[in-house]
Amino acid sequence: MRMKFKKTSQLLLVSAASLGVAGLLTACSQLTETLTIGFVYVTSAKAAGPDNYGEVDVFEINSQSGRMRQIPSSPFPSGGRNPVGEAVSSDNTNLYVVNRDDNNIVQFIIGSDGKLYPQNTVNTPGVFPLAISVAKTNLYVVDTYQPLATCSPASPCSGSIAVYPILPAAGSTQAGKLQTKTTINSCNGLEYLPLSLPGAPTHVIAPTAIHASADNAYLFVTALDAATNTGWLFAYSVGSATDCGNNTSAVPLTPLPGSPYLAGLHPSAVTSDPAGSYVYVTDFALANVRAYSVSAGGLASGGPFPAGNQPVSIAIDATGKFAMVAESQDSSVSTYAITNGALSRIGSFATGLQPVAVGIDPRLNRYIFTANFLGNNVSGFALDVNSGSLLNTQFSPFTANANPTAVAAIPHNGSL
């Protein structure tokens, strides 16, 4: 004998079941949102699609395990060929990707789910942009060659710097759009600043990296003098922009006293601590890191401090307590304790093959990741905030598209 339910009872049971499922889905959604602490953007240089564009992989980071997993619909086209650098806006709502072979910077709006939505594209004034940096309301880019008709890979000339103010939302202007035609130092100036060595104007100065301090007070560019095989660090104070009318402006870049400064043989990366008190430069050839104290009166050199072979990228955690250096030849990342600007090496930890970029999650300041160019993957680590040592995160390394070149990260929902 089977029991029969009245319709009312059936409806109550169905409603209860529906509520239970809805509650479960809501709980799962809340749990997922809680566990995703941030998104990591990894550019890949390998051409893909009909336009031969590079790609941007988007990973979400799990707060408990540090596991990185690509979000649905990842990867996204980079908007140009051979993406080599990227940076996020100060409010974490925009990603800017520099595509070397198309001489452009592409602005993407970042959705609340980490997805990328391409918006605007600008061309850099020089040739072959190689790196960008964002500080407050300015984006800085360094080009391999300045825009002269005589410059080419066959006949190289010195590189140059350009500045793009990041515009706020106003009328039809979208927040995060880059203001073009910005001149350097005066409204009648050039839209770029050539890199030139005092006393040696004919030397070809090849830039290697660019970094603006978090407070946007200073700009640093590392470069190599091919004629003498000498590394240099160019340092500038950044002034307030002047309104030049017609939606244009001029940004003052004033060399610090004594700039440029000697920086080994082949400087490869540059960054500063959160307070802007110290700037650090890796030396690809000499396998070390140089430290400089920063003041309006100029830079004072310290170190160098030993690193692994061919260091190519450096990052500093949000507390200014630890530094991480990616070492491409050794396929490793080293961590350092920072004390009054000096570096003390803690240890070296294996990554995928040939790491070329290193970053840290901005929400917990705990998870470290490297983009491994020949490994075609991303290595993940958990930072011990007491000792500075690293431990592989769950399921690391994580598969990326071919030839990853750069990393950038934001906290989930955009706020720290």
Protein backbone atom coordinates (compact mmCIF):
# COMPACT_ATOMS: atom_id res chain seq x y z
CA MET A 1 0.00 0.00 0.00
CA ARG A 2 1.40 3.43 -1.01
CA MET A 3 0.74 6.56 0.91
CA LYS A 4 -0.79 9.44 -1.02
CA PHE A 5 -0.16 13.15 -0.32
CA LYS A 6 -2.72 15.84 -0.69
CA LYS A 7 -1.81 18.67 -3.09
CA THR A 8 -1.36 21.13 -0.26
CA SER A 9 1.15 18.86 1.43
CA GLN A 10 2.97 18.36 -1.84
CA LEU A 11 3.22 22.10 -2.38
CA LEU A 12 4.57 22.58 1.12
CA LEU A 13 7.19 19.91 0.56
CA VAL A 14 8.22 21.37 -2.80
CA SER A 15 8.42 24.87 -1.29
CA ALA A 16 10.50 23.61 1.60
CA ALA A 17 12.80 21.76 -0.80
CA SER A 18 13.12 24.85 -2.99
CA LEU A 19 13.97 26.99 0.01
CA GLY A 20 16.55 24.44 1.08
CA VAL A 21 18.20 24.44 -2.34
CA ALA A 22 18.08 28.23 -2.51
CA GLY A 23 19.63 28.46 0.93
CA LEU A 24 22.33 26.00 -0.08
CA LEU A 25 23.10 27.95 -3.24
CA THR A 26 23.23 31.21 -1.30
CA ALA A 27 25.55 29.66 1.27
CA CYS A 28 27.76 28.26 -1.48
CA SER A 29 27.82 31.65 -3.21
CA GLN A 30 28.75 33.41 0.03
CA LEU A 31 31.40 30.81 0.75
CA THR A 32 32.90 31.17 -2.73
CA GLU A 33 32.92 34.95 -2.46
CA THR A 34 34.55 34.73 0.95
CA LEU A 35 37.22 32.29 -0.20
CA THR A 36 38.16 34.27 -3.32
CA ILE A 37 40.45 36.94 -1.95
CA GLY A 38 41.72 38.36 -5.20
CA PHE A 39 42.41 38.04 -8.90
CA VAL A 40 45.78 37.68 -10.62
CA TYR A 41 46.26 38.81 -14.22
CA VAL A 42 48.97 37.04 -16.19
CA THR A 43 49.87 38.23 -19.70
CA SER A 44 51.05 35.64 -22.22
CA ALA A 45 53.09 36.63 -25.26
CA LYS A 46 52.24 33.64 -27.45
CA ALA A 47 50.09 34.80 -30.38
CA ALA A 48 46.53 33.49 -30.47
CA GLY A 49 43.33 34.14 -32.41
CA PRO A 50 42.83 35.75 -35.82
CA ASP A 51 44.66 38.94 -34.84
CA ASN A 52 47.66 37.11 -33.34
CA TYR A 53 47.09 38.97 -30.10
CA GLY A 54 48.59 37.93 -26.82
CA GLU A 55 46.33 36.84 -23.98
CA VAL A 56 45.56 37.65 -20.37
CA ASP A 57 44.86 34.75 -18.03
CA VAL A 58 42.70 35.61 -15.03
CA PHE A 59 43.17 33.52 -11.89
CA GLU A 60 41.20 33.68 -8.66
CA ILE A 61 43.09 33.04 -5.41
CA ASN A 62 41.62 30.84 -2.67
CA SER A 63 42.12 32.43 0.75
CA GLN A 64 42.56 29.15 2.61
CA SER A 65 44.90 27.22 0.32
CA GLY A 66 46.29 29.85 -2.06
CA ARG A 67 45.19 27.68 -4.96
CA MET A 68 44.90 29.67 -8.19
CA ARG A 69 42.19 28.74 -10.65
CA GLN A 70 41.32 30.39 -13.95
CA ILE A 71 37.89 32.00 -13.96
CA PRO A 72 35.25 31.07 -16.56
CA SER A 73 35.87 32.77 -19.94
CA SER A 74 39.59 33.21 -19.21
CA PRO A 75 41.82 33.96 -21.11
CA PHE A 76 41.04 37.35 -22.67
CA PRO A 77 42.75 38.88 -25.74
CA SER A 78 45.37 41.43 -24.71
CA GLY A 79 44.40 43.88 -27.45
CA GLY A 80 47.75 43.67 -29.21
CA ARG A 81 50.72 41.51 -30.07
CA ASN A 82 53.37 40.51 -27.56
CA PRO A 83 52.10 41.88 -24.24
CA VAL A 84 55.10 42.51 -22.01
CA GLY A 85 53.83 44.56 -19.07
CA GLU A 86 50.72 45.42 -17.10
CA ALA A 87 49.54 47.50 -14.15
CA VAL A 88 46.28 48.17 -12.32
CA SER A 89 44.81 51.55 -11.45
CA SER A 90 45.08 52.73 -7.86
CA ASP A 91 41.39 52.02 -7.26
CA ASN A 92 41.76 48.47 -8.69
CA THR A 93 39.03 49.01 -11.29
CA ASN A 94 41.19 49.13 -14.43
CA LEU A 95 43.93 46.97 -15.91
CA TYR A 96 46.40 48.44 -18.39
CA VAL A 97 48.30 46.11 -20.71
CA VAL A 98 51.24 47.21 -22.85
CA ASN A 99 51.62 45.36 -26.16
CA ARG A 100 55.15 45.76 -27.46
CA ASP A 101 54.73 44.85 -31.14
CA ASP A 102 51.66 47.06 -31.65
CA ASN A 103 53.07 50.00 -29.70
CA ASN A 104 49.94 50.37 -27.60
CA ILE A 105 48.45 50.38 -24.14
CA VAL A 106 45.00 48.86 -23.75
CA GLN A 107 42.66 49.83 -20.91
CA PHE A 108 40.36 47.13 -19.53
CA ILE A 109 37.60 47.67 -16.98
CA ILE A 110 37.74 44.96 -14.31
CA GLY A 111 34.37 43.44 -13.43
CA SER A 112 33.41 42.43 -9.90
CA ASP A 113 33.95 38.82 -11.02
CA GLY A 114 37.46 39.58 -12.30
CA LYS A 115 36.50 39.56 -15.97
CA LEU A 116 38.09 42.04 -18.36
CA TYR A 117 36.22 44.44 -20.64
CA PRO A 118 38.38 46.30 -23.21
CA GLN A 119 37.71 50.03 -23.41
CA ASN A 120 40.33 52.33 -24.90
CA THR A 121 43.63 51.93 -26.72
CA VAL A 122 46.41 54.53 -26.96
CA ASN A 123 49.67 54.39 -28.88
CA THR A 124 52.87 55.24 -27.06
CA PRO A 125 54.96 58.04 -28.57
CA GLY A 126 58.10 55.93 -28.91
CA VAL A 127 58.84 52.51 -30.38
CA PHE A 128 58.42 49.13 -28.64
CA PRO A 129 57.06 49.94 -25.17
CA LEU A 130 58.50 47.50 -22.65
CA ALA A 131 57.11 48.34 -19.19
CA ILE A 132 54.52 50.47 -17.39
CA SER A 133 53.90 51.64 -13.85
CA VAL A 134 50.90 53.30 -12.18
CA ALA A 135 50.96 55.60 -9.15
CA LYS A 136 47.86 57.44 -7.99
CA THR A 137 46.51 59.25 -11.08
CA ASN A 138 49.46 58.80 -13.45
CA LEU A 139 50.51 55.96 -15.74
CA TYR A 140 54.14 55.91 -16.90
CA VAL A 141 55.52 53.95 -19.84
CA VAL A 142 59.05 53.48 -21.09
CA ASP A 143 59.72 52.90 -24.80
CA THR A 144 62.75 51.03 -26.15
CA TYR A 145 63.39 53.79 -28.70
CA GLN A 146 62.34 57.42 -28.77
CA PRO A 147 60.21 58.49 -31.75
CA LEU A 148 62.89 59.53 -34.23
CA ALA A 149 62.81 58.61 -37.90
CA THR A 150 66.35 57.26 -37.63
CA CYS A 151 65.56 54.83 -34.79
CA SER A 152 65.09 51.13 -35.51
CA PRO A 153 66.42 47.76 -34.33
CA ALA A 154 68.99 48.02 -37.13
CA SER A 155 69.94 51.54 -36.04
CA PRO A 156 69.02 51.79 -32.33
CA CYS A 157 68.72 55.03 -30.42
CA SER A 158 68.06 55.79 -26.75
CA GLY A 159 64.72 55.07 -25.14
CA SER A 160 62.21 57.52 -23.72
CA ILE A 161 59.54 58.02 -21.03
CA ALA A 162 55.92 59.09 -21.51
CA VAL A 163 53.21 59.99 -18.99
CA TYR A 164 49.45 59.50 -19.19
CA PRO A 165 47.18 61.04 -16.55
CA ILE A 166 44.38 58.64 -15.59
CA LEU A 167 41.12 60.53 -15.94
CA PRO A 168 38.21 60.44 -13.49
CA ALA A 169 34.63 59.98 -14.69
CA ALA A 170 33.29 63.28 -16.00
CA GLY A 171 30.47 63.72 -18.49
CA SER A 172 31.12 61.35 -21.37
CA THR A 173 34.65 60.60 -20.14
CA GLN A 174 34.95 57.16 -18.66
CA ALA A 175 36.88 56.64 -15.43
CA GLY A 176 40.28 55.14 -16.10
CA LYS A 177 40.69 56.54 -19.60
CA LEU A 178 44.23 57.71 -20.37
CA GLN A 179 44.70 61.35 -21.31
CA THR A 180 46.81 61.59 -24.46
CA LYS A 181 49.08 64.36 -25.77
CA THR A 182 50.53 64.93 -22.31
CA THR A 183 53.77 66.86 -22.54
CA ILE A 184 56.75 66.72 -20.22
CA ASN A 185 57.75 69.74 -18.10
CA SER A 186 55.93 72.43 -20.13
CA CYS A 187 52.85 72.83 -22.30
CA ASN A 188 55.11 73.44 -25.30
CA GLY A 189 57.33 70.46 -24.51
CA LEU A 190 57.64 67.05 -26.10
CA GLU A 191 55.23 64.21 -25.37
CA TYR A 192 58.20 62.12 -24.27
CA LEU A 193 61.40 62.51 -22.27
CA PRO A 194 64.52 61.04 -23.94
CA LEU A 195 66.94 59.10 -21.79
CA SER A 196 70.34 60.73 -22.09
CA LEU A 197 73.60 60.31 -20.23
CA PRO A 198 75.17 63.64 -19.21
CA GLY A 199 78.49 64.06 -20.98
CA ALA A 200 77.78 61.24 -23.42
CA PRO A 201 74.83 62.34 -25.58
CA THR A 202 75.71 59.94 -28.39
CA HIS A 203 75.59 56.82 -26.23
CA VAL A 204 72.57 54.57 -26.79
CA ILE A 205 70.72 54.22 -23.48
CA ALA A 206 68.51 51.12 -23.53
CA PRO A 207 65.81 51.14 -20.83
CA THR A 208 64.99 47.94 -18.99
CA ALA A 209 62.31 48.81 -16.40
CA ILE A 210 60.21 51.60 -14.92
CA HIS A 211 58.64 52.16 -11.49
CA ALA A 212 56.81 55.02 -9.78
CA SER A 213 56.76 55.24 -6.00
CA ALA A 214 53.34 54.58 -4.45
CA ASP A 215 52.92 58.24 -3.44
CA ASN A 216 53.71 59.34 -7.03
CA ALA A 217 56.54 61.52 -5.72
CA TYR A 218 59.35 59.80 -7.64
CA LEU A 219 59.84 57.98 -10.92
CA PHE A 220 62.68 55.52 -11.54
CA VAL A 221 63.95 54.04 -14.81
CA THR A 222 66.73 51.49 -15.13
CA ALA A 223 68.81 51.41 -18.30
CA LEU A 224 71.92 49.97 -19.92
CA ASP A 225 74.61 51.97 -21.70
CA ALA A 226 75.56 49.61 -24.51
CA ALA A 227 78.71 51.59 -25.35
CA THR A 228 80.30 51.03 -21.94
CA ASN A 229 78.28 48.04 -20.69
CA THR A 230 77.26 50.05 -17.64
CA GLY A 231 73.94 50.07 -15.82
CA TRP A 232 72.21 53.28 -14.74
CA LEU A 233 69.29 54.30 -12.56
CA PHE A 234 67.50 57.47 -13.67
CA ALA A 235 65.53 59.14 -10.87
CA TYR A 236 63.02 61.98 -11.17
CA SER A 237 60.79 63.93 -8.84
CA VAL A 238 57.22 64.17 -10.15
CA GLY A 239 55.50 67.54 -9.98
CA SER A 240 51.84 68.48 -10.15
CA ALA A 241 50.32 68.51 -13.62
CA THR A 242 49.64 71.82 -15.37
CA ASP A 243 46.40 72.24 -17.31
CA CYS A 244 47.36 73.20 -20.86
CA GLY A 245 43.79 73.49 -22.17
CA ASN A 246 42.06 71.44 -24.86
CA ASN A 247 42.06 68.39 -22.58
CA THR A 248 45.85 68.29 -22.40
CA SER A 249 48.33 68.77 -19.58
CA ALA A 250 52.03 68.88 -18.79
CA VAL A 251 53.69 66.77 -16.09
CA PRO A 252 57.02 67.97 -14.60
CA LEU A 253 59.76 65.33 -14.35
CA THR A 254 62.84 66.80 -12.68
CA PRO A 255 66.04 64.73 -12.38
CA LEU A 256 67.15 64.26 -8.79
CA PRO A 257 70.57 65.70 -7.97
CA GLY A 258 73.22 63.26 -9.20
CA SER A 259 70.87 61.36 -11.52
CA PRO A 260 71.52 59.01 -13.23
CA TYR A 261 73.18 56.76 -10.67
CA LEU A 262 75.45 53.79 -11.31
CA ALA A 263 73.48 50.54 -11.18
CA GLY A 264 75.88 47.67 -11.87
CA LEU A 265 76.23 46.07 -15.29
CA HIS A 266 72.75 45.12 -16.44
CA PRO A 267 69.89 46.39 -14.28
CA SER A 268 66.76 44.37 -14.99
CA ALA A 269 64.01 45.43 -12.56
CA VAL A 270 63.23 48.23 -10.14
CA THR A 271 60.78 48.76 -7.28
CA SER A 272 60.46 50.75 -4.06
CA ASP A 273 59.22 50.02 -0.56
CA PRO A 274 55.67 51.10 0.39
CA ALA A 275 56.93 54.22 2.16
CA GLY A 276 59.04 55.30 -0.80
CA SER A 277 62.12 55.49 1.41
CA TYR A 278 64.19 52.94 -0.53
CA VAL A 279 64.43 51.83 -4.13
CA TYR A 280 65.79 48.44 -5.21
CA VAL A 281 67.39 47.38 -8.51
CA THR A 282 68.17 43.84 -9.62
CA ASP A 283 71.29 43.20 -11.71
CA PHE A 284 70.83 40.49 -14.33
CA ALA A 285 74.57 40.12 -15.02
CA LEU A 286 76.04 40.42 -11.52
CA ALA A 287 73.32 38.38 -9.73
CA ASN A 288 72.63 40.88 -6.99
CA VAL A 289 70.26 43.57 -5.75
CA ARG A 290 71.25 47.17 -5.09
CA ALA A 291 69.44 49.36 -2.57
CA TYR A 292 69.25 53.16 -2.61
CA SER A 293 67.88 55.46 0.06
CA VAL A 294 65.60 58.13 -1.42
CA SER A 295 65.37 61.81 -0.58
CA ALA A 296 64.77 65.08 -2.38
CA GLY A 297 68.53 65.57 -2.25
CA GLY A 298 69.14 62.44 -4.32
CA LEU A 299 69.84 58.74 -3.87
CA ALA A 300 72.46 57.06 -1.70
CA SER A 301 73.58 53.59 -2.78
CA GLY A 302 73.73 50.57 -0.50
CA GLY A 303 74.62 46.92 -0.97
CA PRO A 304 74.82 45.12 -3.29
CA PHE A 305 73.11 42.07 -1.82
CA PRO A 306 73.58 38.59 -3.35
CA ALA A 307 70.81 37.01 -5.43
CA GLY A 308 70.45 33.93 -7.60
CA ASN A 309 71.47 33.83 -11.25
CA GLN A 310 69.80 36.29 -13.64
CA PRO A 311 67.40 38.10 -11.29
CA VAL A 312 64.69 39.72 -13.44
CA SER A 313 61.87 40.85 -11.16
CA ILE A 314 61.43 42.12 -7.62
CA ALA A 315 58.40 42.75 -5.40
CA ILE A 316 58.04 44.01 -1.82
CA ASP A 317 55.19 43.06 0.49
CA ALA A 318 52.74 45.66 1.76
CA THR A 319 54.41 45.89 5.18
CA GLY A 320 57.83 46.61 3.71
CA LYS A 321 59.18 43.70 5.73
CA PHE A 322 60.05 41.26 2.93
CA ALA A 323 61.32 41.36 -0.66
CA MET A 324 60.91 38.63 -3.29
CA VAL A 325 63.25 38.26 -6.28
CA ALA A 326 62.58 36.02 -9.30
CA GLU A 327 65.76 34.40 -10.65
CA SER A 328 65.27 33.26 -14.24
CA GLN A 329 68.33 31.07 -14.78
CA ASP A 330 67.94 29.24 -11.49
CA SER A 331 64.15 28.86 -11.87
CA SER A 332 63.74 30.09 -8.31
CA VAL A 333 62.46 32.90 -6.16
CA SER A 334 64.42 34.22 -3.19
CA THR A 335 63.00 36.02 -0.18
CA TYR A 336 64.76 38.70 1.86
CA ALA A 337 64.17 40.37 5.19
CA ILE A 338 64.34 44.17 4.98
CA THR A 339 65.93 46.09 7.85
CA ASN A 340 66.49 49.82 7.43
CA GLY A 341 66.69 49.27 3.68
CA ALA A 342 69.25 46.47 3.86
CA LEU A 343 68.41 43.00 2.51
CA SER A 344 69.14 39.74 4.31
CA ARG A 345 68.55 36.65 2.19
CA ILE A 346 66.22 34.16 3.87
CA GLY A 347 66.10 31.36 1.31
CA SER A 348 65.59 30.31 -2.28
CA PHE A 349 62.56 28.32 -3.47
CA ALA A 350 62.02 26.42 -6.73
CA THR A 351 59.59 27.79 -9.31
CA GLY A 352 58.56 26.67 -12.78
CA LEU A 353 61.02 27.06 -15.64
CA GLN A 354 62.42 30.58 -16.12
CA PRO A 355 60.37 32.91 -13.91
CA VAL A 356 60.21 36.42 -15.37
CA ALA A 357 57.80 38.18 -12.99
CA VAL A 358 56.88 37.98 -9.32
CA GLY A 359 53.91 39.43 -7.42
CA ILE A 360 52.02 39.23 -4.14
CA ASP A 361 48.31 39.24 -3.38
CA PRO A 362 47.23 42.69 -2.13
CA ARG A 363 44.43 41.48 0.17
CA LEU A 364 46.17 39.17 2.65
CA ASN A 365 49.74 40.08 1.69
CA ARG A 366 50.42 36.38 1.99
CA TYR A 367 50.38 34.61 -1.38
CA ILE A 368 53.31 34.96 -3.78
CA PHE A 369 53.20 34.02 -7.46
CA THR A 370 55.68 33.91 -10.35
CA ALA A 371 55.04 33.84 -14.09
CA ASN A 372 57.29 31.18 -15.62
CA PHE A 373 58.06 31.98 -19.26
CA LEU A 374 59.36 28.61 -20.43
CA GLY A 375 57.30 26.61 -17.94
CA ASN A 376 54.06 28.05 -19.38
CA ASN A 377 52.67 28.18 -15.88
CA VAL A 378 52.38 30.16 -12.65
CA SER A 379 53.98 29.04 -9.39
CA GLY A 380 52.18 29.84 -6.14
CA PHE A 381 53.58 30.12 -2.62
CA ALA A 382 52.37 30.98 0.87
CA LEU A 383 54.58 33.46 2.71
CA ASP A 384 55.33 32.82 6.36
CA VAL A 385 54.86 36.33 7.72
CA ASN A 386 57.14 35.59 10.66
CA SER A 387 60.11 33.86 9.03
CA GLY A 388 59.77 35.02 5.42
CA SER A 389 60.06 31.47 4.07
CA LEU A 390 57.80 30.16 1.29
CA LEU A 391 55.69 27.02 1.02
CA ASN A 392 54.15 25.77 -2.22
CA THR A 393 50.40 26.38 -2.38
CA GLN A 394 47.91 23.64 -3.20
CA PHE A 395 48.27 22.23 -6.75
CA SER A 396 51.04 24.67 -7.70
CA PRO A 397 52.17 25.27 -10.44
CA PHE A 398 49.06 26.37 -12.32
CA THR A 399 48.76 26.06 -16.08
CA ALA A 400 48.88 29.33 -18.04
CA ASN A 401 48.92 30.17 -21.71
CA ALA A 402 52.25 29.94 -23.49
CA ASN A 403 55.08 32.28 -22.54
CA PRO A 404 53.68 34.28 -19.60
CA THR A 405 55.45 37.61 -19.26
CA ALA A 406 53.96 39.74 -16.46
CA VAL A 407 51.68 39.66 -13.41
CA ALA A 408 49.32 42.10 -11.71
CA ALA A 409 46.77 41.54 -8.95
CA ILE A 410 43.78 43.15 -7.28
CA PRO A 411 41.81 42.29 -4.12
CA HIS A 412 38.37 40.77 -4.59
CA ASN A 413 35.74 43.49 -4.91
CA GLY A 414 38.48 46.04 -5.45
CA SER A 415 39.12 47.13 -1.86
CA LEU A 416 41.80 46.07 0.59
